[in-house]
Amino acid sequence: MRKHGTTLVSVSIFLGAVLIAACARPYHEENERYVFVATNINLPYWQEAQAGFLDAAKALGVKSELVGPTGYAPNAELGVFRQIVEEHPAGICLSAARPEIFQAEIDKAVAEGIPVICVDSDVPNSKRVLYVGTDNFKAGRESLKRMAALVPRGSIEVISITGQHNLDDRVAGVADALVNFPGLKLTTILDDQGDARSAFDQVSQLIQKKEKVDGIICLEATGGSGAAGALHRFNMEGKLPIVAFDGDPETLDWIDRGAITATITQKPYVMSYYGLRFLDDLHHNAVHQFKDWRTALAPPMPTSVDTGTVVVDKSNLKLYRETLTAHPKPL
């Protein structure tokens, strides 16, 4: 009898626990949704970022998506951001093409209780909660350091997108590092608007005009392949060193063919994966330094997270490719 009574008590406790669990409110809501807004989302770079965002959402059991224009279109991206804010998601990651046009809209979203985290490209004067991405000033310095090892003296052209905060930081890093390499001179900054064809045309013009160019530093994802294509057009692979940026498949192919010497690759998967994790913590006030992140005097988490870079050249290209995870195609 005693054993039977003990069994009944155990069953009662178990059933009570089941009932409590059934009545408890789940941590994540059924339709909890996080959105990443970027521009030029057809680039392989954003394919990687999308994979990180989706994987983080899957691990947490929430909904997520990456949205934005399919070309470099800051105003179109701003329109997408405004639309997402009106939908009032649980949180937004944003890579702002031009910081000055996003500041007021970010502040508005945060005032409405929507956490906004800048990923890849920052809007530092806004009320965004934190920045997750590359230390772009440091990455610019690394680009020039790599070029200086190839060209100790000479004139260097830079390919970038003028007015985009993360790229302007890289240009500033290149300029700052020139102090350590007095034999190098930065001559021109070419703005390719994130278009490989534009980089191809502008570098082709430099070659045709026989401009004094001893090396090319590309600070955005598409410029490297565009510049390499121009060298190939004039049979100049290996004669004019290119230090590129990011790990687009075309950029890696040109390293294999010898037209690009090295590229400074970022970690877009890591940026977006942790970006969503931070958003989730904010939405649920999971970090208990303060009662609520919305009313706190400071964010309850780091204000900046440097995800680092990887330098890829012909010596480690095979290993880099082998260790990359296959990612889904862009939406």
Protein backbone atom coordinates (compact mmCIF):
# COMPACT_ATOMS: atom_id res chain seq x y z
CA MET A 1 0.00 0.00 0.00
CA ARG A 2 2.78 2.36 0.85
CA LYS A 3 4.45 1.80 -2.50
CA HIS A 4 1.14 2.34 -4.29
CA GLY A 5 0.57 5.59 -2.40
CA THR A 6 4.06 6.82 -3.30
CA THR A 7 3.35 6.10 -6.95
CA LEU A 8 0.12 8.12 -6.81
CA VAL A 9 1.97 11.07 -5.28
CA SER A 10 4.65 10.88 -7.98
CA VAL A 11 2.02 10.80 -10.72
CA SER A 12 0.23 13.77 -9.15
CA ILE A 13 3.47 15.79 -9.02
CA PHE A 14 4.21 14.90 -12.64
CA LEU A 15 0.72 15.86 -13.80
CA GLY A 16 0.94 19.11 -11.84
CA ALA A 17 4.26 19.96 -13.49
CA VAL A 18 2.77 19.22 -16.91
CA LEU A 19 -0.19 21.50 -16.21
CA ILE A 20 2.07 24.31 -14.99
CA ALA A 21 4.26 23.96 -18.08
CA ALA A 22 1.19 23.98 -20.31
CA CYS A 23 -0.10 27.16 -18.70
CA ALA A 24 3.28 28.94 -18.64
CA ARG A 25 3.76 31.58 -21.29
CA PRO A 26 6.38 30.50 -23.85
CA TYR A 27 9.57 32.58 -23.98
CA HIS A 28 9.17 33.30 -27.69
CA GLU A 29 5.85 34.38 -29.12
CA GLU A 30 4.37 32.37 -31.96
CA ASN A 31 4.81 35.14 -34.55
CA GLU A 32 7.96 36.74 -33.14
CA ARG A 33 9.80 38.20 -36.14
CA TYR A 34 13.17 39.84 -36.72
CA VAL A 35 14.19 41.63 -39.93
CA PHE A 36 17.58 42.50 -41.45
CA VAL A 37 17.50 45.50 -43.82
CA ALA A 38 20.44 45.94 -46.22
CA THR A 39 21.12 47.18 -49.72
CA ASN A 40 22.44 45.34 -52.79
CA ILE A 41 21.21 42.08 -51.20
CA ASN A 42 21.95 39.97 -54.29
CA LEU A 43 25.67 40.17 -53.49
CA PRO A 44 27.20 36.91 -52.20
CA TYR A 45 28.22 38.90 -49.11
CA TRP A 46 24.56 39.28 -48.14
CA GLN A 47 23.92 35.65 -49.02
CA GLU A 48 26.32 34.79 -46.18
CA ALA A 49 24.70 37.34 -43.86
CA GLN A 50 21.26 35.92 -44.63
CA ALA A 51 22.48 32.42 -43.73
CA GLY A 52 23.71 33.60 -40.33
CA PHE A 53 20.45 35.43 -39.67
CA LEU A 54 18.32 32.42 -40.62
CA ASP A 55 20.45 30.00 -38.59
CA ALA A 56 20.18 32.17 -35.47
CA ALA A 57 16.41 32.39 -35.95
CA LYS A 58 16.14 28.62 -36.35
CA ALA A 59 18.11 28.06 -33.14
CA LEU A 60 15.81 30.43 -31.25
CA GLY A 61 12.57 29.29 -32.87
CA VAL A 62 11.62 32.70 -34.27
CA LYS A 63 10.87 34.09 -37.72
CA SER A 64 13.44 36.11 -39.68
CA GLU A 65 14.11 37.55 -43.11
CA LEU A 66 16.62 39.70 -44.96
CA VAL A 67 15.12 42.44 -47.15
CA GLY A 68 16.29 45.38 -49.23
CA PRO A 69 16.95 46.56 -52.80
CA THR A 70 18.92 44.35 -55.17
CA GLY A 71 21.34 47.14 -56.15
CA TYR A 72 23.18 49.92 -54.35
CA ALA A 73 20.16 52.16 -53.70
CA PRO A 74 20.31 54.07 -50.38
CA ASN A 75 16.94 55.81 -50.79
CA ALA A 76 15.21 52.57 -51.75
CA GLU A 77 16.76 50.92 -48.70
CA LEU A 78 15.44 53.75 -46.53
CA GLY A 79 11.95 53.16 -47.91
CA VAL A 80 12.20 49.46 -47.02
CA PHE A 81 13.35 50.34 -43.50
CA ARG A 82 10.39 52.68 -42.99
CA GLN A 83 7.99 49.99 -44.15
CA ILE A 84 9.49 47.44 -41.75
CA VAL A 85 9.24 49.87 -38.82
CA GLU A 86 5.51 50.30 -39.58
CA GLU A 87 5.15 46.52 -39.30
CA HIS A 88 6.63 46.73 -35.78
CA PRO A 89 8.82 43.59 -35.70
CA ALA A 90 10.52 42.35 -32.54
CA GLY A 91 13.81 43.87 -33.74
CA ILE A 92 15.72 45.17 -36.77
CA CYS A 93 19.30 44.70 -37.92
CA LEU A 94 20.36 47.43 -40.35
CA SER A 95 23.31 47.93 -42.66
CA ALA A 96 22.84 51.55 -43.66
CA ALA A 97 24.15 52.56 -47.08
CA ARG A 98 24.30 56.23 -46.05
CA PRO A 99 24.19 57.05 -42.32
CA GLU A 100 22.89 60.60 -42.60
CA ILE A 101 19.58 59.58 -44.18
CA PHE A 102 18.89 56.84 -41.63
CA GLN A 103 19.58 58.62 -38.35
CA ALA A 104 16.12 60.11 -37.80
CA GLU A 105 14.35 56.91 -38.87
CA ILE A 106 16.43 54.78 -36.50
CA ASP A 107 15.68 57.18 -33.65
CA LYS A 108 11.98 56.95 -34.47
CA ALA A 109 12.04 53.14 -34.44
CA VAL A 110 13.85 53.02 -31.09
CA ALA A 111 11.41 55.58 -29.63
CA GLU A 112 8.62 53.17 -30.61
CA GLY A 113 10.33 50.40 -28.61
CA ILE A 114 11.85 48.53 -31.57
CA PRO A 115 15.49 47.63 -30.92
CA VAL A 116 17.76 48.54 -33.85
CA ILE A 117 21.25 47.12 -34.19
CA CYS A 118 23.62 48.31 -36.92
CA VAL A 119 25.45 45.46 -38.60
CA ASP A 120 28.33 45.85 -41.09
CA SER A 121 27.75 49.60 -41.56
CA ASP A 122 27.13 51.85 -38.57
CA VAL A 123 25.06 54.99 -37.91
CA PRO A 124 27.02 56.07 -34.82
CA ASN A 125 25.14 59.32 -34.13
CA SER A 126 21.77 57.59 -34.00
CA LYS A 127 20.08 55.86 -31.06
CA ARG A 128 20.87 52.40 -32.41
CA VAL A 129 21.64 50.10 -29.49
CA LEU A 130 24.96 48.71 -30.72
CA TYR A 131 27.15 48.00 -33.74
CA VAL A 132 28.23 44.49 -34.75
CA GLY A 133 30.79 44.18 -37.52
CA THR A 134 34.29 44.85 -38.72
CA ASP A 135 36.53 47.52 -37.23
CA ASN A 136 36.71 49.18 -40.63
CA PHE A 137 39.43 51.68 -39.73
CA LYS A 138 41.66 48.78 -38.71
CA ALA A 139 40.70 46.86 -41.86
CA GLY A 140 41.74 49.84 -44.01
CA ARG A 141 45.11 49.92 -42.27
CA GLU A 142 45.48 46.18 -42.95
CA SER A 143 44.74 46.73 -46.64
CA LEU A 144 47.56 49.26 -46.98
CA LYS A 145 49.92 47.09 -44.95
CA ARG A 146 49.33 44.23 -47.39
CA MET A 147 49.90 46.54 -50.36
CA ALA A 148 53.11 47.97 -48.83
CA ALA A 149 54.55 44.44 -48.66
CA LEU A 150 53.99 44.19 -52.43
CA VAL A 151 54.80 47.76 -53.47
CA PRO A 152 57.20 49.51 -51.05
CA ARG A 153 57.20 52.66 -53.21
CA GLY A 154 54.68 53.99 -55.71
CA SER A 155 51.24 55.42 -56.40
CA ILE A 156 48.14 53.61 -55.10
CA GLU A 157 44.59 53.88 -56.42
CA VAL A 158 41.67 53.13 -54.11
CA ILE A 159 38.24 51.86 -55.16
CA SER A 160 35.40 52.55 -52.72
CA ILE A 161 31.88 53.98 -52.40
CA THR A 162 31.99 57.59 -51.24
CA GLY A 163 29.67 58.50 -48.37
CA GLN A 164 29.09 54.99 -46.99
CA HIS A 165 30.21 55.09 -43.37
CA ASN A 166 31.99 51.74 -43.15
CA LEU A 167 33.86 52.37 -46.42
CA ASP A 168 34.79 55.92 -45.44
CA ASP A 169 36.31 54.41 -42.28
CA ARG A 170 38.36 52.02 -44.41
CA VAL A 171 39.61 54.89 -46.57
CA ALA A 172 40.55 56.77 -43.38
CA GLY A 173 42.44 53.68 -42.21
CA VAL A 174 44.37 53.50 -45.48
CA ALA A 175 45.25 57.21 -45.23
CA ASP A 176 46.31 56.84 -41.59
CA ALA A 177 48.59 53.89 -42.36
CA LEU A 178 50.44 55.90 -45.04
CA VAL A 179 52.42 57.53 -42.21
CA ASN A 180 54.17 54.21 -41.67
CA PHE A 181 54.92 53.75 -45.37
CA PRO A 182 56.34 57.06 -46.68
CA GLY A 183 57.25 55.47 -50.02
CA LEU A 184 53.59 55.08 -50.92
CA LYS A 185 51.26 57.79 -52.17
CA LEU A 186 47.46 57.66 -52.39
CA THR A 187 46.55 59.29 -55.70
CA THR A 188 42.85 58.84 -56.50
CA ILE A 189 39.74 57.40 -54.89
CA LEU A 190 37.48 55.85 -57.53
CA ASP A 191 33.77 55.56 -56.64
CA ASP A 192 32.30 52.48 -58.32
CA GLN A 193 28.89 52.66 -56.54
CA GLY A 194 29.16 48.98 -55.68
CA ASP A 195 29.18 47.97 -59.36
CA ALA A 196 31.93 45.71 -60.75
CA ARG A 197 31.30 47.05 -64.26
CA SER A 198 32.00 50.58 -63.08
CA ALA A 199 35.27 49.46 -61.46
CA PHE A 200 36.16 47.63 -64.69
CA ASP A 201 35.53 50.74 -66.80
CA GLN A 202 37.41 53.14 -64.50
CA VAL A 203 40.47 50.92 -64.14
CA SER A 204 40.45 50.29 -67.90
CA GLN A 205 40.54 54.06 -68.46
CA LEU A 206 43.52 54.43 -66.12
CA ILE A 207 45.41 51.76 -68.06
CA GLN A 208 44.50 53.21 -71.45
CA LYS A 209 45.61 56.69 -70.37
CA LYS A 210 48.87 55.19 -69.06
CA GLU A 211 48.28 56.76 -65.64
CA LYS A 212 50.99 56.17 -63.04
CA VAL A 213 49.49 53.33 -60.99
CA ASP A 214 51.60 50.86 -59.00
CA GLY A 215 48.87 49.16 -57.01
CA ILE A 216 45.08 49.07 -56.50
CA ILE A 217 43.31 48.74 -53.16
CA CYS A 218 39.63 47.85 -53.35
CA LEU A 219 37.63 48.56 -50.21
CA GLU A 220 34.21 47.23 -51.24
CA ALA A 221 33.06 43.80 -52.35
CA THR A 222 32.66 44.23 -56.13
CA GLY A 223 35.63 46.46 -56.94
CA GLY A 224 38.20 43.68 -56.80
CA SER A 225 36.64 41.55 -59.50
CA GLY A 226 36.00 44.62 -61.67
CA ALA A 227 39.62 45.77 -61.40
CA ALA A 228 40.89 42.24 -62.03
CA GLY A 229 38.73 42.00 -65.15
CA ALA A 230 40.33 45.19 -66.46
CA LEU A 231 43.82 43.78 -65.90
CA HIS A 232 42.81 40.61 -67.73
CA ARG A 233 41.53 42.70 -70.64
CA PHE A 234 45.00 44.22 -71.08
CA ASN A 235 46.96 41.03 -70.26
CA MET A 236 48.27 42.58 -67.04
CA GLU A 237 47.47 39.84 -64.51
CA GLY A 238 50.22 39.78 -61.90
CA LYS A 239 51.82 43.00 -63.22
CA LEU A 240 49.72 45.37 -61.09
CA PRO A 241 48.93 44.09 -57.58
CA ILE A 242 45.36 44.28 -56.29
CA VAL A 243 44.39 43.99 -52.64
CA ALA A 244 40.63 43.42 -52.61
CA PHE A 245 37.95 43.30 -49.95
CA ASP A 246 35.48 40.54 -48.97
CA GLY A 247 35.24 36.98 -50.23
CA ASP A 248 32.95 37.09 -53.25
CA PRO A 249 33.37 33.93 -55.37
CA GLU A 250 34.60 36.02 -58.31
CA THR A 251 37.21 37.69 -56.10
CA LEU A 252 38.44 34.27 -54.93
CA ASP A 253 38.53 33.03 -58.53
CA TRP A 254 40.71 35.99 -59.53
CA ILE A 255 43.10 35.19 -56.66
CA ASP A 256 43.37 31.66 -58.03
CA ARG A 257 44.10 33.08 -61.50
CA GLY A 258 46.71 35.50 -60.17
CA ALA A 259 44.97 38.80 -60.98
CA ILE A 260 44.17 39.60 -57.32
CA THR A 261 47.00 39.19 -54.82
CA ALA A 262 44.96 39.11 -51.60
CA THR A 263 41.60 40.05 -50.15
CA ILE A 264 40.55 41.18 -46.68
CA THR A 265 37.48 39.06 -45.93
CA GLN A 266 34.87 39.88 -43.31
CA LYS A 267 32.51 37.61 -41.39
CA PRO A 268 28.97 38.54 -42.49
CA TYR A 269 27.55 35.24 -41.21
CA VAL A 270 28.96 35.94 -37.74
CA MET A 271 27.74 39.56 -37.77
CA SER A 272 24.15 38.68 -38.58
CA TYR A 273 24.04 35.57 -36.37
CA TYR A 274 25.00 37.53 -33.27
CA GLY A 275 23.03 40.55 -34.45
CA LEU A 276 19.82 38.56 -34.20
CA ARG A 277 20.90 37.04 -30.86
CA PHE A 278 21.43 40.52 -29.43
CA LEU A 279 18.04 41.64 -30.78
CA ASP A 280 16.38 38.67 -29.14
CA ASP A 281 17.99 39.49 -25.78
CA LEU A 282 16.85 43.10 -26.09
CA HIS A 283 13.28 42.22 -27.04
CA HIS A 284 12.99 39.95 -24.01
CA ASN A 285 15.03 42.15 -21.63
CA ALA A 286 17.14 39.07 -21.02
CA VAL A 287 20.18 40.95 -19.64
CA HIS A 288 19.21 42.16 -16.17
CA GLN A 289 21.65 45.01 -15.59
CA PHE A 290 18.63 47.32 -15.94
CA LYS A 291 14.87 46.76 -15.70
CA ASP A 292 14.27 47.63 -19.35
CA TRP A 293 16.71 48.55 -22.13
CA ARG A 294 14.25 51.19 -23.39
CA THR A 295 14.53 53.30 -20.22
CA ALA A 296 18.13 52.49 -19.25
CA LEU A 297 20.83 55.16 -19.30
CA ALA A 298 23.11 52.79 -21.23
CA PRO A 299 22.63 49.61 -23.29
CA PRO A 300 22.73 46.36 -21.25
CA MET A 301 25.34 44.89 -23.62
CA PRO A 302 28.49 45.93 -25.52
CA THR A 303 28.06 49.05 -27.64
CA SER A 304 30.42 47.70 -30.31
CA VAL A 305 31.47 44.17 -31.29
CA ASP A 306 34.42 43.71 -33.67
CA THR A 307 33.88 40.47 -35.60
CA GLY A 308 37.36 40.59 -37.17
CA THR A 309 38.74 39.81 -40.63
CA VAL A 310 40.62 37.03 -42.45
CA VAL A 311 43.30 37.77 -45.06
CA VAL A 312 43.05 35.35 -47.99
CA ASP A 313 45.72 34.91 -50.67
CA LYS A 314 46.90 32.09 -52.90
CA SER A 315 48.69 30.38 -50.01
CA ASN A 316 45.52 29.75 -48.00
CA LEU A 317 42.81 30.06 -50.67
CA LYS A 318 42.14 26.31 -50.90
CA LEU A 319 41.81 25.95 -47.13
CA TYR A 320 39.54 29.00 -46.92
CA ARG A 321 37.21 27.61 -49.57
CA GLU A 322 37.15 24.15 -47.99
CA THR A 323 36.22 25.50 -44.56
CA LEU A 324 33.36 27.74 -45.76
CA THR A 325 29.83 26.47 -45.18
CA ALA A 326 27.51 26.23 -48.16
CA HIS A 327 24.84 28.93 -47.86
CA PRO A 328 21.39 29.25 -49.42
CA LYS A 329 20.81 31.51 -52.39
CA PRO A 330 19.47 35.03 -51.70
CA LEU A 331 15.69 35.38 -51.44
